[in-house]
Amino acid sequence: MRILSMPRIAQWLVIALAFTIPQQVAVNNLVLAVLVLVALPTYGNALLMLIRTNAVARAALTMFGLLCLGTLWGDAPFSKAVGILGKYIDLALIPLFMLLLREPSTRQRSLQAFFTIMVIAWALSWAIGLQILPITHWVRILVGPSAQIEDPSIFHSHITQGLLTSY
């Protein structure tokens, strides 16, 4: 039996993250949290080296740092400012994703996972919209609470689903 190394587990978690994009936000956030917990200790030194040597990584962290400083400005309650800051945490993760997606095979598998789940989301949307697939309790667990017969998008927004499906 072959045991996976931590870098390989982190790469597979990136692929899983690509697969969970159109699924419920909680599933996506869970995979992202596990990915960060596995990848940060694994790539810590390489991540610091990347930040020192790569302008894109520095720019992403600088932008996130400026947003952090921006939470101190204004009269919004701190909890609300931090909540809004959480929407931009992806900026801080750009250097980590740069490391995790270095290998062409990981990038390829991530794209394949994303395209696969987008085809599934598209097919489920059509099946719900054409009333081929009735909206039952188990379908709601699979596609999330947002799907309606009138608006059968699997995402929370049909606009988001349209943009990602067009990719």
Foldseek 3Di string as FASTA:
>chain_A
DDDDDLLVVLLVLLLVLLLCVQADPVVNVVSVVVSCVSQCVVCVVVLVVCCVPPPQLVVLVVVLVVLVVVLVDDDDPSVVSVVVSVVSCVSNCVSSVCVSPVDVVSVVSSVVSNLVNLVVQVVQLVCLLVVVDDDDPVVCNGQNDCADNVGGGSHVDVVVSVVSSVD
